[in-house]
Amino acid sequence: HDIVISESSKSYLVKDVDEINKEMV
């Protein structure tokens, strides 16, 4: 839960999020 609070946005606030999203992750 602490990781989610501090780090979760780093999973999708990235330049290539659209390409990553195509893999339905």
PDB file of all heavy atoms in Angstrom:
ATOM      1  N   HIS A   1       0.828  -1.202   0.000  1.00  0.00           N
ATOM      2  CA  HIS A   1       0.000   0.000   0.000  1.00  0.00           C
ATOM      3  C   HIS A   1       0.860   1.248   0.000  1.00  0.00           C
ATOM      4  O   HIS A   1       0.572   2.231  -0.707  1.00  0.00           O
ATOM      5  CB  HIS A   1      -0.929  -0.004   1.218  1.00  0.00           C
ATOM      6  CG  HIS A   1      -1.915   1.115   1.218  1.00  0.00           C
ATOM      7  ND1 HIS A   1      -2.145   1.897   2.336  1.00  0.00           N
ATOM      8  CD2 HIS A   1      -2.734   1.604   0.256  1.00  0.00           C
ATOM      9  CE1 HIS A   1      -3.053   2.815   2.038  1.00  0.00           C
ATOM     10  NE2 HIS A   1      -3.432   2.655   0.800  1.00  0.00           N
ATOM     11  N   ASP A   2       1.940   1.252   0.764  1.00  0.00           N
ATOM     12  CA  ASP A   2       2.855   2.398   0.769  1.00  0.00           C
ATOM     13  C   ASP A   2       3.463   2.616  -0.613  1.00  0.00           C
ATOM     14  O   ASP A   2       3.638   3.758  -1.058  1.00  0.00           O
ATOM     15  CB  ASP A   2       3.973   2.183   1.800  1.00  0.00           C
ATOM     16  CG  ASP A   2       3.490   2.303   3.226  1.00  0.00           C
ATOM     17  OD1 ASP A   2       2.377   2.837   3.445  1.00  0.00           O
ATOM     18  OD2 ASP A   2       4.215   1.853   4.140  1.00  0.00           O
ATOM     19  N   ILE A   3       3.806   1.523  -1.292  1.00  0.00           N
ATOM     20  CA  ILE A   3       4.361   1.621  -2.642  1.00  0.00           C
ATOM     21  C   ILE A   3       3.333   2.213  -3.600  1.00  0.00           C
ATOM     22  O   ILE A   3       3.651   3.061  -4.435  1.00  0.00           O
ATOM     23  CB  ILE A   3       4.845   0.241  -3.134  1.00  0.00           C
ATOM     24  CG1 ILE A   3       6.103  -0.184  -2.364  1.00  0.00           C
ATOM     25  CG2 ILE A   3       5.130   0.256  -4.637  1.00  0.00           C
ATOM     26  CD1 ILE A   3       6.540  -1.613  -2.634  1.00  0.00           C
ATOM     27  N   VAL A   4       2.086   1.771  -3.477  1.00  0.00           N
ATOM     28  CA  VAL A   4       1.028   2.297  -4.332  1.00  0.00           C
ATOM     29  C   VAL A   4       0.874   3.805  -4.120  1.00  0.00           C
ATOM     30  O   VAL A   4       0.729   4.572  -5.071  1.00  0.00           O
ATOM     31  CB  VAL A   4      -0.301   1.570  -4.061  1.00  0.00           C
ATOM     32  CG1 VAL A   4      -1.454   2.277  -4.749  1.00  0.00           C
ATOM     33  CG2 VAL A   4      -0.225   0.131  -4.540  1.00  0.00           C
ATOM     34  N   ILE A   5       0.930   4.244  -2.875  1.00  0.00           N
ATOM     35  CA  ILE A   5       0.791   5.667  -2.565  1.00  0.00           C
ATOM     36  C   ILE A   5       1.907   6.484  -3.208  1.00  0.00           C
ATOM     37  O   ILE A   5       1.663   7.530  -3.808  1.00  0.00           O
ATOM     38  CB  ILE A   5       0.786   5.886  -1.040  1.00  0.00           C
ATOM     39  CG1 ILE A   5      -0.529   5.378  -0.442  1.00  0.00           C
ATOM     40  CG2 ILE A   5       0.990   7.365  -0.692  1.00  0.00           C
ATOM     41  CD1 ILE A   5      -0.523   5.321   1.072  1.00  0.00           C
ATOM     42  N   SER A   6       3.125   6.001  -3.113  1.00  0.00           N
ATOM     43  CA  SER A   6       4.262   6.816  -3.542  1.00  0.00           C
ATOM     44  C   SER A   6       4.761   6.522  -4.953  1.00  0.00           C
ATOM     45  O   SER A   6       5.408   7.382  -5.566  1.00  0.00           O
ATOM     46  CB  SER A   6       5.434   6.634  -2.565  1.00  0.00           C
ATOM     47  OG  SER A   6       5.820   5.272  -2.508  1.00  0.00           O
ATOM     48  N   GLU A   7       4.464   5.325  -5.488  1.00  0.00           N
ATOM     49  CA  GLU A   7       5.102   4.926  -6.734  1.00  0.00           C
ATOM     50  C   GLU A   7       4.151   4.564  -7.870  1.00  0.00           C
ATOM     51  O   GLU A   7       4.585   4.435  -9.011  1.00  0.00           O
ATOM     52  CB  GLU A   7       6.020   3.708  -6.488  1.00  0.00           C
ATOM     53  CG  GLU A   7       6.927   3.811  -5.280  1.00  0.00           C
ATOM     54  CD  GLU A   7       8.096   4.768  -5.489  1.00  0.00           C
ATOM     55  OE1 GLU A   7       8.212   5.357  -6.573  1.00  0.00           O
ATOM     56  OE2 GLU A   7       8.908   4.929  -4.559  1.00  0.00           O
ATOM     57  N   SER A   8       2.861   4.361  -7.597  1.00  0.00           N
ATOM     58  CA  SER A   8       1.988   3.771  -8.619  1.00  0.00           C
ATOM     59  C   SER A   8       1.881   4.622  -9.882  1.00  0.00           C
ATOM     60  O   SER A   8       1.801   4.085 -10.995  1.00  0.00           O
ATOM     61  CB  SER A   8       0.598   3.496  -8.051  1.00  0.00           C
ATOM     62  OG  SER A   8      -0.042   4.692  -7.646  1.00  0.00           O
ATOM     63  N   SER A   9       1.888   5.942  -9.754  1.00  0.00           N
ATOM     64  CA  SER A   9       1.742   6.792 -10.935  1.00  0.00           C
ATOM     65  C   SER A   9       2.925   6.641 -11.892  1.00  0.00           C
ATOM     66  O   SER A   9       2.804   6.926 -13.089  1.00  0.00           O
ATOM     67  CB  SER A   9       1.590   8.259 -10.526  1.00  0.00           C
ATOM     68  OG  SER A   9       2.735   8.722  -9.858  1.00  0.00           O
ATOM     69  N   LYS A  10       4.052   6.156 -11.375  1.00  0.00           N
ATOM     70  CA  LYS A  10       5.231   5.986 -12.229  1.00  0.00           C
ATOM     71  C   LYS A  10       5.066   4.834 -13.199  1.00  0.00           C
ATOM     72  O   LYS A  10       5.849   4.680 -14.132  1.00  0.00           O
ATOM     73  CB  LYS A  10       6.466   5.772 -11.354  1.00  0.00           C
ATOM     74  CG  LYS A  10       6.795   6.998 -10.515  1.00  0.00           C
ATOM     75  CD  LYS A  10       7.775   6.718  -9.405  1.00  0.00           C
ATOM     76  CE  LYS A  10       7.894   7.936  -8.489  1.00  0.00           C
ATOM     77  NZ  LYS A  10       8.717   7.666  -7.301  1.00  0.00           N
ATOM     78  N   SER A  11       4.026   4.037 -12.977  1.00  0.00           N
ATOM     79  CA  SER A  11       3.754   2.932 -13.885  1.00  0.00           C
ATOM     80  C   SER A  11       3.118   3.418 -15.182  1.00  0.00           C
ATOM     81  O   SER A  11       3.377   2.865 -16.248  1.00  0.00           O
ATOM     82  CB  SER A  11       2.840   1.912 -13.201  1.00  0.00           C
ATOM     83  OG  SER A  11       2.491   0.870 -14.078  1.00  0.00           O
ATOM     84  N   TYR A  12       2.285   4.477 -15.103  1.00  0.00           N
ATOM     85  CA  TYR A  12       1.568   4.922 -16.302  1.00  0.00           C
ATOM     86  C   TYR A  12       1.852   6.355 -16.715  1.00  0.00           C
ATOM     87  O   TYR A  12       1.529   6.744 -17.840  1.00  0.00           O
ATOM     88  CB  TYR A  12       0.054   4.729 -16.133  1.00  0.00           C
ATOM     89  CG  TYR A  12      -0.527   5.250 -14.845  1.00  0.00           C
ATOM     90  CD1 TYR A  12      -0.832   6.584 -14.686  1.00  0.00           C
ATOM     91  CD2 TYR A  12      -0.768   4.391 -13.779  1.00  0.00           C
ATOM     92  CE1 TYR A  12      -1.364   7.059 -13.507  1.00  0.00           C
ATOM     93  CE2 TYR A  12      -1.302   4.854 -12.591  1.00  0.00           C
ATOM     94  CZ  TYR A  12      -1.598   6.186 -12.467  1.00  0.00           C
ATOM     95  OH  TYR A  12      -2.115   6.662 -11.278  1.00  0.00           O
ATOM     96  N   LEU A  13       2.454   7.162 -15.847  1.00  0.00           N
ATOM     97  CA  LEU A  13       2.830   8.521 -16.246  1.00  0.00           C
ATOM     98  C   LEU A  13       4.191   8.491 -16.927  1.00  0.00           C
ATOM     99  O   LEU A  13       5.185   9.033 -16.433  1.00  0.00           O
ATOM    100  CB  LEU A  13       2.837   9.462 -15.032  1.00  0.00           C
ATOM    101  CG  LEU A  13       1.477   9.765 -14.405  1.00  0.00           C
ATOM    102  CD1 LEU A  13       1.630  10.740 -13.249  1.00  0.00           C
ATOM    103  CD2 LEU A  13       0.492  10.313 -15.437  1.00  0.00           C
ATOM    104  N   VAL A  14       4.215   7.818 -18.060  1.00  0.00           N
ATOM    105  CA  VAL A  14       5.450   7.650 -18.833  1.00  0.00           C
ATOM    106  C   VAL A  14       5.168   8.001 -20.290  1.00  0.00           C
ATOM    107  O   VAL A  14       4.027   7.977 -20.749  1.00  0.00           O
ATOM    108  CB  VAL A  14       5.990   6.202 -18.729  1.00  0.00           C
ATOM    109  CG1 VAL A  14       6.501   5.922 -17.325  1.00  0.00           C
ATOM    110  CG2 VAL A  14       4.916   5.189 -19.118  1.00  0.00           C
ATOM    111  N   LYS A  15       6.230   8.322 -21.022  1.00  0.00           N
ATOM    112  CA  LYS A  15       6.094   8.787 -22.407  1.00  0.00           C
ATOM    113  C   LYS A  15       5.404   7.767 -23.307  1.00  0.00           C
ATOM    114  O   LYS A  15       4.573   8.116 -24.151  1.00  0.00           O
ATOM    115  CB  LYS A  15       7.491   9.113 -22.956  1.00  0.00           C
ATOM    116  CG  LYS A  15       7.508   9.702 -24.354  1.00  0.00           C
ATOM    117  CD  LYS A  15       6.989  11.120 -24.370  1.00  0.00           C
ATOM    118  CE  LYS A  15       7.185  11.755 -25.737  1.00  0.00           C
ATOM    119  NZ  LYS A  15       6.644  13.127 -25.793  1.00  0.00           N
ATOM    120  N   ASP A  16       5.741   6.487 -23.130  1.00  0.00           N
ATOM    121  CA  ASP A  16       5.218   5.453 -24.028  1.00  0.00           C
ATOM    122  C   ASP A  16       4.008   4.724 -23.452  1.00  0.00           C
ATOM    123  O   ASP A  16       3.775   3.557 -23.745  1.00  0.00           O
ATOM    124  CB  ASP A  16       6.319   4.451 -24.385  1.00  0.00           C
ATOM    125  CG  ASP A  16       7.003   3.867 -23.162  1.00  0.00           C
ATOM    126  OD1 ASP A  16       6.764   4.382 -22.055  1.00  0.00           O
ATOM    127  OD2 ASP A  16       7.770   2.889 -23.315  1.00  0.00           O
ATOM    128  N   VAL A  17       3.210   5.421 -22.656  1.00  0.00           N
ATOM    129  CA  VAL A  17       2.052   4.798 -22.012  1.00  0.00           C
ATOM    130  C   VAL A  17       1.065   4.231 -23.031  1.00  0.00           C
ATOM    131  O   VAL A  17       0.456   3.175 -22.805  1.00  0.00           O
ATOM    132  CB  VAL A  17       1.344   5.781 -21.064  1.00  0.00           C
ATOM    133  CG1 VAL A  17       0.783   6.976 -21.821  1.00  0.00           C
ATOM    134  CG2 VAL A  17       0.232   5.080 -20.283  1.00  0.00           C
ATOM    135  N   ASP A  18       0.908   4.892 -24.179  1.00  0.00           N
ATOM    136  CA  ASP A  18      -0.051   4.405 -25.172  1.00  0.00           C
ATOM    137  C   ASP A  18       0.379   3.057 -25.737  1.00  0.00           C
ATOM    138  O   ASP A  18      -0.460   2.162 -25.946  1.00  0.00           O
ATOM    139  CB  ASP A  18      -0.213   5.424 -26.304  1.00  0.00           C
ATOM    140  CG  ASP A  18      -0.860   6.714 -25.831  1.00  0.00           C
ATOM    141  OD1 ASP A  18      -1.743   6.641 -24.964  1.00  0.00           O
ATOM    142  OD2 ASP A  18      -0.479   7.794 -26.320  1.00  0.00           O
ATOM    143  N   GLU A  19       1.669   2.898 -25.981  1.00  0.00           N
ATOM    144  CA  GLU A  19       2.168   1.615 -26.475  1.00  0.00           C
ATOM    145  C   GLU A  19       2.049   0.542 -25.400  1.00  0.00           C
ATOM    146  O   GLU A  19       1.676  -0.592 -25.676  1.00  0.00           O
ATOM    147  CB  GLU A  19       3.636   1.754 -26.918  1.00  0.00           C
ATOM    148  CG  GLU A  19       3.826   2.541 -28.210  1.00  0.00           C
ATOM    149  CD  GLU A  19       3.072   1.921 -29.374  1.00  0.00           C
ATOM    150  OE1 GLU A  19       3.182   0.683 -29.565  1.00  0.00           O
ATOM    151  OE2 GLU A  19       2.366   2.653 -30.089  1.00  0.00           O
ATOM    152  N   ILE A  20       2.363   0.908 -24.166  1.00  0.00           N
ATOM    153  CA  ILE A  20       2.249  -0.039 -23.052  1.00  0.00           C
ATOM    154  C   ILE A  20       0.800  -0.467 -22.866  1.00  0.00           C
ATOM    155  O   ILE A  20       0.507  -1.641 -22.643  1.00  0.00           O
ATOM    156  CB  ILE A  20       2.793   0.594 -21.752  1.00  0.00           C
ATOM    157  CG1 ILE A  20       4.288   0.891 -21.892  1.00  0.00           C
ATOM    158  CG2 ILE A  20       2.548  -0.322 -20.552  1.00  0.00           C
ATOM    159  CD1 ILE A  20       4.853   1.699 -20.741  1.00  0.00           C
ATOM    160  N   ASN A  21      -0.100   0.474 -23.006  1.00  0.00           N
ATOM    161  CA  ASN A  21      -1.519   0.202 -22.791  1.00  0.00           C
ATOM    162  C   ASN A  21      -2.070  -0.792 -23.814  1.00  0.00           C
ATOM    163  O   ASN A  21      -3.026  -1.526 -23.531  1.00  0.00           O
ATOM    164  CB  ASN A  21      -2.315   1.508 -22.839  1.00  0.00           C
ATOM    165  CG  ASN A  21      -3.768   1.334 -22.458  1.00  0.00           C
ATOM    166  OD1 ASN A  21      -4.088   0.694 -21.458  1.00  0.00           O
ATOM    167  ND2 ASN A  21      -4.663   1.890 -23.263  1.00  0.00           N
ATOM    168  N   LYS A  22      -1.479  -0.823 -25.019  1.00  0.00           N
ATOM    169  CA  LYS A  22      -1.933  -1.758 -26.046  1.00  0.00           C
ATOM    170  C   LYS A  22      -1.774  -3.215 -25.596  1.00  0.00           C
ATOM    171  O   LYS A  22      -2.469  -4.102 -26.096  1.00  0.00           O
ATOM    172  CB  LYS A  22      -1.169  -1.529 -27.349  1.00  0.00           C
ATOM    173  CG  LYS A  22      -1.534  -0.235 -28.059  1.00  0.00           C
ATOM    174  CD  LYS A  22      -0.697  -0.032 -29.309  1.00  0.00           C
ATOM    175  CE  LYS A  22      -1.033   1.296 -29.990  1.00  0.00           C
ATOM    176  NZ  LYS A  22      -0.176   1.532 -31.187  1.00  0.00           N
ATOM    177  N   GLU A  23      -0.856  -3.439 -24.665  1.00  0.00           N
ATOM    178  CA  GLU A  23      -0.635  -4.796 -24.155  1.00  0.00           C
ATOM    179  C   GLU A  23      -1.574  -5.114 -22.992  1.00  0.00           C
ATOM    180  O   GLU A  23      -1.478  -6.176 -22.382  1.00  0.00           O
ATOM    181  CB  GLU A  23       0.817  -4.954 -23.719  1.00  0.00           C
ATOM    182  CG  GLU A  23       1.796  -4.798 -24.878  1.00  0.00           C
ATOM    183  CD  GLU A  23       3.244  -4.952 -24.459  1.00  0.00           C
ATOM    184  OE1 GLU A  23       3.546  -4.705 -23.249  1.00  0.00           O
ATOM    185  OE2 GLU A  23       4.071  -5.324 -25.304  1.00  0.00           O
ATOM    186  N   MET A  24      -2.463  -4.168 -22.679  1.00  0.00           N
ATOM    187  CA  MET A  24      -3.521  -4.348 -21.679  1.00  0.00           C
ATOM    188  C   MET A  24      -2.980  -4.626 -20.277  1.00  0.00           C
ATOM    189  O   MET A  24      -3.596  -5.314 -19.473  1.00  0.00           O
ATOM    190  CB  MET A  24      -4.475  -5.478 -22.093  1.00  0.00           C
ATOM    191  CG  MET A  24      -5.222  -5.193 -23.388  1.00  0.00           C
ATOM    192  SD  MET A  24      -6.491  -6.427 -23.803  1.00  0.00           S
ATOM    193  CE  MET A  24      -5.465  -7.861 -24.098  1.00  0.00           C
ATOM    194  N   VAL A  25      -1.821  -4.071 -19.985  1.00  0.00           N
ATOM    195  CA  VAL A  25      -1.216  -4.320 -18.670  1.00  0.00           C
ATOM    196  C   VAL A  25      -1.888  -3.519 -17.556  1.00  0.00           C
ATOM    197  O   VAL A  25      -1.628  -3.775 -16.375  1.00  0.00           O
ATOM    198  CB  VAL A  25       0.306  -4.027 -18.680  1.00  0.00           C
ATOM    199  CG1 VAL A  25       1.011  -4.920 -19.672  1.00  0.00           C
ATOM    200  CG2 VAL A  25       0.582  -2.557 -18.982  1.00  0.00           C
TER     201      VAL A  25
END
